[in-house]
N, C-alpha and C. Protein backbone atom coordinates (compact mmCIF):
# COMPACT_ATOMS: atom_id res chain seq x y z
N MET A 1 -106.07 70.06 61.33
CA MET A 1 -106.26 68.92 61.07
C MET A 1 -107.29 68.47 61.81
N GLU A 2 -108.02 67.29 61.13
CA GLU A 2 -109.41 67.03 61.68
C GLU A 2 -109.10 65.70 62.83
N ALA A 3 -109.90 65.77 63.85
CA ALA A 3 -109.94 64.87 64.78
C ALA A 3 -109.53 63.34 64.54
N ASP A 4 -110.23 63.00 63.46
CA ASP A 4 -110.19 61.63 63.15
C ASP A 4 -108.70 61.38 62.39
N SER A 5 -108.23 62.43 61.46
CA SER A 5 -106.77 61.99 61.23
C SER A 5 -106.03 62.33 62.43
N PHE A 6 -106.03 63.14 63.19
CA PHE A 6 -105.14 63.07 64.41
C PHE A 6 -105.39 61.70 65.28
N ALA A 7 -106.47 60.96 65.51
CA ALA A 7 -106.47 59.62 65.87
C ALA A 7 -105.48 58.99 65.53
N GLY A 8 -105.43 58.99 64.30
CA GLY A 8 -104.57 58.02 63.46
C GLY A 8 -103.24 58.10 63.60
N ILE A 9 -102.73 59.20 64.02
CA ILE A 9 -101.48 59.18 64.64
C ILE A 9 -101.05 59.07 66.02
N GLN A 10 -101.93 59.28 66.76
CA GLN A 10 -101.78 59.36 68.28
C GLN A 10 -100.91 58.01 68.41
N GLY A 11 -100.94 56.87 68.01
CA GLY A 11 -100.32 55.77 68.91
C GLY A 11 -101.49 54.55 69.23
N ILE A 12 -100.90 53.64 69.71
CA ILE A 12 -101.87 53.07 70.39
C ILE A 12 -101.39 52.74 72.08
N GLU A 13 -102.29 52.78 73.04
CA GLU A 13 -101.93 52.61 74.31
C GLU A 13 -101.05 51.30 74.83
N MET A 14 -99.98 51.35 75.54
CA MET A 14 -99.71 50.05 75.67
C MET A 14 -100.23 49.26 76.99
N ASP A 15 -100.05 47.91 77.20
CA ASP A 15 -100.81 47.72 78.53
C ASP A 15 -99.87 47.06 79.39
N THR A 16 -100.02 46.88 80.67
CA THR A 16 -98.99 46.40 81.66
C THR A 16 -97.90 46.04 81.34
N ASP A 17 -98.00 44.83 80.69
CA ASP A 17 -97.03 43.77 80.19
C ASP A 17 -96.05 44.62 79.08
N GLU A 18 -96.50 45.05 78.49
CA GLU A 18 -95.84 45.88 77.40
C GLU A 18 -95.17 47.05 78.07
N VAL A 19 -95.66 47.90 78.95
CA VAL A 19 -95.02 48.96 79.48
C VAL A 19 -93.66 48.28 80.59
N ASP A 20 -94.06 47.24 81.39
CA ASP A 20 -93.07 46.49 81.98
C ASP A 20 -91.62 46.12 80.82
N ALA A 21 -92.02 45.45 80.15
CA ALA A 21 -91.05 44.90 79.06
C ALA A 21 -90.16 46.22 78.53
N PHE A 22 -90.87 47.28 78.19
CA PHE A 22 -90.21 48.39 77.67
C PHE A 22 -89.21 48.84 78.76
N LEU A 23 -89.90 49.21 80.24
CA LEU A 23 -88.77 49.67 81.02
C LEU A 23 -87.89 48.99 81.41
N ARG A 24 -87.96 47.52 81.44
CA ARG A 24 -86.52 46.54 81.38
C ARG A 24 -85.59 46.93 80.40
N SER A 25 -86.19 47.14 79.19
CA SER A 25 -85.30 47.26 77.81
C SER A 25 -84.40 48.36 77.79
N GLN A 26 -84.87 49.37 78.65
CA GLN A 26 -84.31 50.56 78.63
C GLN A 26 -83.45 50.69 79.79
N GLY A 27 -82.62 51.67 79.69
CA GLY A 27 -81.56 52.04 80.69
C GLY A 27 -81.52 53.61 81.01
N PHE A 28 -82.12 54.62 80.42
CA PHE A 28 -81.85 55.83 80.90
C PHE A 28 -83.51 56.46 80.34
N GLY A 29 -83.62 58.11 80.93
CA GLY A 29 -84.91 58.68 80.32
C GLY A 29 -84.54 59.93 80.99
N VAL A 30 -85.69 60.56 81.04
CA VAL A 30 -85.56 62.13 81.41
C VAL A 30 -86.51 62.29 82.81
N LEU A 31 -85.79 62.51 83.90
CA LEU A 31 -86.58 62.68 84.96
C LEU A 31 -86.91 64.29 85.06
N SER A 32 -88.09 64.55 85.18
CA SER A 32 -88.61 66.22 85.43
C SER A 32 -88.99 66.26 86.90
N LEU A 33 -88.43 67.64 87.33
CA LEU A 33 -88.72 67.70 88.62
C LEU A 33 -89.29 69.25 88.82
N ALA A 34 -89.56 69.96 89.82
CA ALA A 34 -90.08 71.05 89.74
C ALA A 34 -90.31 71.55 91.36
N ARG A 35 -90.08 72.82 91.61
CA ARG A 35 -89.92 73.63 93.05
C ARG A 35 -90.30 74.98 92.97
N ASP A 36 -91.31 75.30 93.69
CA ASP A 36 -91.59 76.83 93.57
C ASP A 36 -91.94 77.34 91.97
N GLY A 37 -92.46 76.75 91.14
CA GLY A 37 -92.74 77.27 89.84
C GLY A 37 -91.57 76.86 89.03
N GLU A 38 -90.78 76.58 89.28
CA GLU A 38 -89.51 76.29 88.46
C GLU A 38 -89.12 74.67 87.99
N ALA A 39 -89.29 74.47 86.62
CA ALA A 39 -88.91 72.94 86.51
C ALA A 39 -87.52 72.86 85.98
N TYR A 40 -87.14 71.54 85.94
CA TYR A 40 -85.95 70.97 85.97
C TYR A 40 -85.82 69.78 85.46
N GLY A 41 -85.52 69.36 84.11
CA GLY A 41 -85.24 67.81 83.64
C GLY A 41 -84.18 67.63 83.65
N ILE A 42 -83.73 66.25 83.91
CA ILE A 42 -82.56 65.91 83.92
C ILE A 42 -82.55 64.48 83.13
N PRO A 43 -81.74 64.42 82.18
CA PRO A 43 -81.17 62.89 81.76
C PRO A 43 -80.72 61.96 82.73
N ILE A 44 -81.14 60.63 82.94
CA ILE A 44 -80.51 60.07 84.03
C ILE A 44 -80.66 58.54 83.57
N SER A 45 -79.89 57.87 84.16
CA SER A 45 -79.99 56.25 84.05
C SER A 45 -80.80 55.60 85.30
N PHE A 46 -81.56 54.43 84.95
CA PHE A 46 -82.24 53.90 85.98
C PHE A 46 -82.22 52.72 85.99
N GLY A 47 -82.87 51.80 87.20
CA GLY A 47 -82.96 50.47 87.20
C GLY A 47 -84.30 50.42 87.53
N TYR A 48 -85.21 49.28 87.18
CA TYR A 48 -86.34 49.01 86.92
C TYR A 48 -86.45 47.58 87.63
N ASP A 49 -87.48 47.47 88.87
CA ASP A 49 -87.53 46.04 89.46
C ASP A 49 -88.87 45.48 89.28
N GLY A 50 -89.57 46.08 88.32
CA GLY A 50 -91.24 45.50 88.30
C GLY A 50 -91.96 46.33 88.89
N THR A 51 -91.76 47.19 90.05
CA THR A 51 -92.71 47.82 90.82
C THR A 51 -91.87 49.52 90.84
N GLN A 52 -90.78 49.60 90.92
CA GLN A 52 -90.30 50.90 91.38
C GLN A 52 -89.10 51.06 90.31
N LEU A 53 -88.91 52.39 90.36
CA LEU A 53 -87.69 52.65 89.47
C LEU A 53 -86.62 53.50 90.37
N TYR A 54 -84.81 53.15 90.37
CA TYR A 54 -84.13 53.39 91.07
C TYR A 54 -83.31 54.28 90.36
N PHE A 55 -82.76 55.33 91.07
CA PHE A 55 -81.76 56.19 90.32
C PHE A 55 -80.62 56.27 91.61
N VAL A 56 -79.33 56.57 90.74
CA VAL A 56 -78.43 57.09 91.37
C VAL A 56 -77.76 58.30 91.19
N LEU A 57 -77.63 59.02 92.10
CA LEU A 57 -77.12 60.48 91.83
C LEU A 57 -75.73 60.66 92.22
N LEU A 58 -74.88 61.25 91.47
CA LEU A 58 -73.48 61.28 91.89
C LEU A 58 -73.57 62.79 92.38
N ARG A 59 -72.80 63.17 93.61
CA ARG A 59 -72.45 64.31 94.16
C ARG A 59 -71.06 64.62 94.00
N PRO A 60 -70.51 65.39 93.24
CA PRO A 60 -69.15 65.64 93.14
C PRO A 60 -68.80 66.68 93.75
N GLY A 61 -69.52 67.47 94.45
CA GLY A 61 -69.29 68.48 95.70
C GLY A 61 -70.28 68.52 96.79
N ALA A 62 -69.88 69.61 97.40
CA ALA A 62 -70.80 69.97 98.64
C ALA A 62 -72.29 70.13 98.08
N ARG A 63 -72.73 70.77 97.03
CA ARG A 63 -74.00 71.06 96.47
C ARG A 63 -74.12 70.38 95.24
N SER A 64 -75.42 70.18 95.14
CA SER A 64 -76.12 69.25 93.94
C SER A 64 -77.14 70.30 93.68
N LYS A 65 -77.16 70.75 92.47
CA LYS A 65 -78.81 71.29 91.92
C LYS A 65 -79.72 70.06 91.61
N LYS A 66 -79.19 69.04 91.28
CA LYS A 66 -80.01 67.98 91.10
C LYS A 66 -80.71 67.34 92.23
N GLU A 67 -79.90 67.09 93.39
CA GLU A 67 -80.31 67.08 94.66
C GLU A 67 -81.30 67.68 95.36
N GLU A 68 -80.98 68.91 95.45
CA GLU A 68 -81.84 70.04 95.63
C GLU A 68 -83.11 69.75 95.19
N PHE A 69 -83.42 69.58 94.10
CA PHE A 69 -84.70 69.51 93.13
C PHE A 69 -85.28 68.36 93.73
N VAL A 70 -84.56 67.22 93.67
CA VAL A 70 -85.07 65.95 94.00
C VAL A 70 -85.95 66.03 95.41
N ARG A 71 -85.15 66.48 96.34
CA ARG A 71 -85.56 66.58 97.82
C ARG A 71 -86.89 67.60 97.90
N GLU A 72 -86.80 68.63 96.86
CA GLU A 72 -87.95 69.40 97.03
C GLU A 72 -89.37 69.23 95.91
N THR A 73 -88.84 68.26 95.01
CA THR A 73 -90.25 67.91 94.48
C THR A 73 -91.25 67.08 95.30
N ASP A 74 -92.52 67.37 95.05
CA ASP A 74 -93.56 66.70 95.33
C ASP A 74 -93.94 65.70 94.55
N THR A 75 -94.06 65.96 93.21
CA THR A 75 -94.31 64.59 92.25
C THR A 75 -93.41 64.71 91.03
N ALA A 76 -93.01 63.67 90.99
CA ALA A 76 -92.08 63.52 89.88
C ALA A 76 -92.56 63.06 88.36
N SER A 77 -91.80 63.11 87.37
CA SER A 77 -92.46 62.86 86.24
C SER A 77 -91.25 62.01 85.74
N PHE A 78 -91.15 60.78 85.08
CA PHE A 78 -89.99 60.28 84.09
C PHE A 78 -90.57 59.56 82.79
N LEU A 79 -89.69 60.06 81.88
CA LEU A 79 -90.21 59.78 80.81
C LEU A 79 -88.91 58.78 80.10
N VAL A 80 -89.57 57.64 79.65
CA VAL A 80 -88.41 56.73 78.81
C VAL A 80 -89.05 56.72 77.17
N TYR A 81 -88.12 56.92 76.41
CA TYR A 81 -88.70 56.56 75.09
C TYR A 81 -87.49 56.04 74.27
N ASP A 82 -88.29 55.40 72.95
CA ASP A 82 -87.41 54.91 72.20
C ASP A 82 -88.13 55.08 70.61
N VAL A 83 -87.12 55.92 69.87
CA VAL A 83 -87.57 56.21 68.32
C VAL A 83 -86.43 55.63 67.26
N GLY A 84 -87.23 54.99 66.53
CA GLY A 84 -86.54 54.22 65.27
C GLY A 84 -86.78 55.13 64.25
N ASP A 85 -88.05 55.60 63.87
CA ASP A 85 -88.17 56.25 62.97
C ASP A 85 -89.72 57.03 63.21
N LYS A 86 -90.24 57.79 62.05
CA LYS A 86 -91.52 58.08 62.64
C LYS A 86 -92.66 57.42 62.70
N HIS A 87 -92.35 55.93 62.26
CA HIS A 87 -93.46 54.95 62.16
C HIS A 87 -93.08 53.75 63.45
N ASP A 88 -92.16 54.08 64.01
CA ASP A 88 -91.31 53.07 65.06
C ASP A 88 -91.06 53.67 66.27
N TRP A 89 -92.11 53.83 67.38
CA TRP A 89 -91.46 54.56 68.50
C TRP A 89 -92.33 54.08 69.51
N GLN A 90 -91.82 54.33 70.75
CA GLN A 90 -92.17 53.63 72.18
C GLN A 90 -92.02 54.87 72.94
N SER A 91 -93.19 54.94 74.15
CA SER A 91 -92.74 55.83 75.12
C SER A 91 -93.32 55.67 76.26
N VAL A 92 -93.01 55.81 77.37
CA VAL A 92 -93.52 55.52 79.08
C VAL A 92 -93.47 56.75 79.70
N VAL A 93 -94.58 57.21 80.36
CA VAL A 93 -94.24 58.23 81.32
C VAL A 93 -94.63 57.71 82.79
N VAL A 94 -93.95 57.99 84.05
CA VAL A 94 -94.11 57.32 84.96
C VAL A 94 -93.99 58.64 86.15
N THR A 95 -95.31 58.65 87.09
CA THR A 95 -95.15 59.69 87.92
C THR A 95 -95.33 58.93 89.22
N GLY A 96 -94.98 59.90 90.11
CA GLY A 96 -94.69 59.31 91.56
C GLY A 96 -94.17 60.32 92.35
N ARG A 97 -93.91 59.91 93.53
CA ARG A 97 -92.97 60.46 94.67
C ARG A 97 -91.79 59.92 94.62
N LEU A 98 -90.48 60.92 94.95
CA LEU A 98 -89.41 60.21 95.19
C LEU A 98 -88.72 60.30 96.72
N GLU A 99 -88.25 59.47 97.07
CA GLU A 99 -87.81 59.04 98.08
C GLU A 99 -86.23 58.42 98.21
N PRO A 100 -85.61 58.42 99.15
CA PRO A 100 -84.11 58.35 99.35
C PRO A 100 -84.17 57.03 99.79
N VAL A 101 -83.10 55.97 98.92
CA VAL A 101 -82.97 54.74 99.59
C VAL A 101 -82.31 54.32 100.74
N GLY A 102 -82.77 53.94 101.51
CA GLY A 102 -82.23 53.50 103.10
C GLY A 102 -81.22 52.60 102.85
N ASP A 103 -80.14 52.35 103.80
CA ASP A 103 -79.43 51.43 103.78
C ASP A 103 -79.51 49.92 103.50
N ASP A 104 -81.00 49.77 104.24
CA ASP A 104 -81.42 48.13 104.24
C ASP A 104 -82.19 48.09 102.48
N ASP A 105 -82.03 48.97 101.84
CA ASP A 105 -82.58 48.91 100.55
C ASP A 105 -81.45 49.06 99.10
N TRP A 106 -80.40 48.97 99.81
CA TRP A 106 -79.13 49.31 98.82
C TRP A 106 -79.12 48.04 97.78
N PRO A 107 -79.29 46.69 98.77
CA PRO A 107 -79.39 45.70 97.60
C PRO A 107 -80.20 45.56 96.20
N ALA A 108 -81.58 46.26 96.91
CA ALA A 108 -82.54 46.27 95.58
C ALA A 108 -82.39 47.01 94.82
N LEU A 109 -81.60 48.51 95.04
CA LEU A 109 -81.11 49.37 94.17
C LEU A 109 -80.20 48.71 93.12
N ARG A 110 -79.18 48.26 93.92
CA ARG A 110 -77.84 47.62 93.29
C ARG A 110 -78.50 46.67 91.84
N ASP A 111 -79.38 45.72 92.72
CA ASP A 111 -79.72 44.80 91.51
C ASP A 111 -80.46 45.19 90.23
N ALA A 112 -81.44 46.01 90.73
CA ALA A 112 -82.24 46.98 89.70
C ALA A 112 -81.41 47.71 88.42
N ILE A 113 -80.08 48.54 89.16
CA ILE A 113 -79.55 49.07 88.55
C ILE A 113 -78.47 48.20 87.76
N GLU A 114 -78.10 47.26 88.10
CA GLU A 114 -77.26 46.43 87.21
C GLU A 114 -77.74 45.80 86.24
N GLU A 115 -79.14 45.44 86.42
CA GLU A 115 -80.23 45.04 85.48
C GLU A 115 -80.05 45.63 84.00
N ASN A 116 -80.46 46.80 84.13
CA ASN A 116 -80.70 47.60 83.14
C ASN A 116 -80.47 49.02 82.98
N ALA A 117 -79.65 49.55 83.74
CA ALA A 117 -79.20 50.70 83.88
C ALA A 117 -78.00 50.93 82.80
N TRP A 118 -77.93 52.00 82.49
CA TRP A 118 -76.86 52.53 81.30
C TRP A 118 -76.34 53.94 82.09
N PHE A 119 -74.97 53.97 81.93
CA PHE A 119 -73.89 55.14 82.47
C PHE A 119 -73.11 55.63 81.57
N PRO A 120 -73.37 56.85 81.39
CA PRO A 120 -72.13 57.61 80.59
C PRO A 120 -70.90 57.47 81.19
N SER A 121 -69.73 57.77 80.57
CA SER A 121 -68.26 58.13 81.51
C SER A 121 -68.40 59.53 81.58
N LEU A 122 -68.64 60.07 82.36
CA LEU A 122 -68.77 61.90 82.75
C LEU A 122 -67.33 61.79 83.54
N PHE A 123 -67.11 60.87 84.40
CA PHE A 123 -65.80 61.24 85.37
C PHE A 123 -64.78 60.11 85.16
N SER A 124 -63.68 60.62 85.48
CA SER A 124 -62.67 59.72 85.50
C SER A 124 -62.44 58.69 86.80
N GLU A 125 -61.92 57.88 86.55
CA GLU A 125 -61.68 56.87 88.04
C GLU A 125 -61.20 57.75 89.08
N THR A 126 -60.26 58.51 88.66
CA THR A 126 -59.22 59.33 89.83
C THR A 126 -60.30 60.47 90.38
N GLN A 127 -61.30 60.89 89.75
CA GLN A 127 -62.04 61.95 90.31
C GLN A 127 -62.34 61.68 91.65
N PRO A 128 -62.62 62.38 92.82
CA PRO A 128 -63.48 61.39 93.93
C PRO A 128 -64.63 62.20 93.91
N MET A 129 -65.44 61.39 94.22
CA MET A 129 -66.88 61.73 94.61
C MET A 129 -67.30 62.03 96.03
N GLN A 130 -68.20 63.19 96.24
CA GLN A 130 -68.29 63.33 97.50
C GLN A 130 -69.33 62.42 98.08
N ASP A 131 -70.35 62.10 97.44
CA ASP A 131 -71.30 60.90 97.73
C ASP A 131 -72.25 60.48 96.70
N ILE A 132 -72.72 59.19 96.92
CA ILE A 132 -73.44 58.61 95.79
C ILE A 132 -74.82 58.37 96.78
N LEU A 133 -76.01 58.80 96.14
CA LEU A 133 -77.07 58.79 96.73
C LEU A 133 -78.06 58.10 95.60
N GLY A 134 -78.63 57.08 96.60
CA GLY A 134 -80.05 56.19 96.26
C GLY A 134 -81.10 56.78 96.37
N TRP A 135 -81.96 56.97 94.99
CA TRP A 135 -83.20 57.38 94.97
C TRP A 135 -84.40 56.51 94.49
N ARG A 136 -85.67 56.11 94.88
CA ARG A 136 -86.37 55.70 94.24
C ARG A 136 -87.79 56.21 93.78
N LEU A 137 -88.33 56.13 92.94
CA LEU A 137 -89.57 56.83 92.56
C LEU A 137 -90.86 55.73 92.95
N VAL A 138 -91.60 56.12 93.81
CA VAL A 138 -92.71 55.33 94.00
C VAL A 138 -93.92 55.76 93.25
N VAL A 139 -94.01 54.74 92.47
CA VAL A 139 -94.88 54.85 91.25
C VAL A 139 -96.29 55.08 91.29
N ASP A 140 -96.87 56.20 91.13
CA ASP A 140 -98.31 56.42 91.16
C ASP A 140 -98.98 56.11 89.88
N GLU A 141 -98.54 56.09 88.83
CA GLU A 141 -99.11 56.09 87.73
C GLU A 141 -97.80 55.60 86.76
N MET A 142 -98.30 54.67 85.69
CA MET A 142 -97.43 54.50 84.76
C MET A 142 -98.21 54.47 83.31
N THR A 143 -98.16 55.20 82.26
CA THR A 143 -98.56 54.98 81.09
C THR A 143 -97.68 54.96 80.09
N GLY A 144 -98.28 54.19 78.53
CA GLY A 144 -97.29 53.91 77.69
C GLY A 144 -97.89 54.13 76.42
N GLN A 145 -97.17 54.44 75.28
CA GLN A 145 -98.02 54.54 73.83
C GLN A 145 -96.80 54.07 72.92
N ARG A 146 -97.26 53.58 71.91
CA ARG A 146 -96.70 53.06 70.91
C ARG A 146 -96.88 53.41 69.81
N SER A 147 -96.06 53.15 68.44
CA SER A 147 -96.61 53.44 67.24
C SER A 147 -97.22 51.88 66.76
N HIS A 148 -97.99 52.14 65.66
CA HIS A 148 -98.56 50.87 65.39
C HIS A 148 -97.53 50.20 64.76
N ASP A 149 -96.41 50.34 64.46
CA ASP A 149 -95.37 49.49 63.65
C ASP A 149 -94.64 49.02 64.93
N ALA A 150 -94.18 49.68 66.11
CA ALA A 150 -93.56 49.23 67.07
C ALA A 150 -93.73 47.61 67.49
N PRO A 151 -92.82 47.19 67.96
CA PRO A 151 -92.69 45.67 68.65
C PRO A 151 -93.76 45.65 69.43
């Protein structure tokens, strides 16, 4: 495929306002983590407050692979995407460092999560949870692409 042909299907770079609106309209994505040369991607719900992304990790037992990777990842990548069809798609990639949410910041996490997070029904209400852990992605970079037909 020639470079000119490929350029026509690459999409359009989203500006800051488009990226912001897209993140506010979505509720889940894929968090990519890495440690010691091993990659680990997890689908996860998120909240967005306009500057940072927030995540809640549920720990049903004493150990959690997700938590171990979150703690050991230097730079995380988060992908949010929406695909209607091959002519209607949008995606945003956010990179940055993950840090635990302290007690004083739980109201900000809660507000962001309530605003746009989506939660699957994984656990029964009677199944006890060991801990609920709050994390934020401190943004280093945010980029977005959309198709020519995307809103």
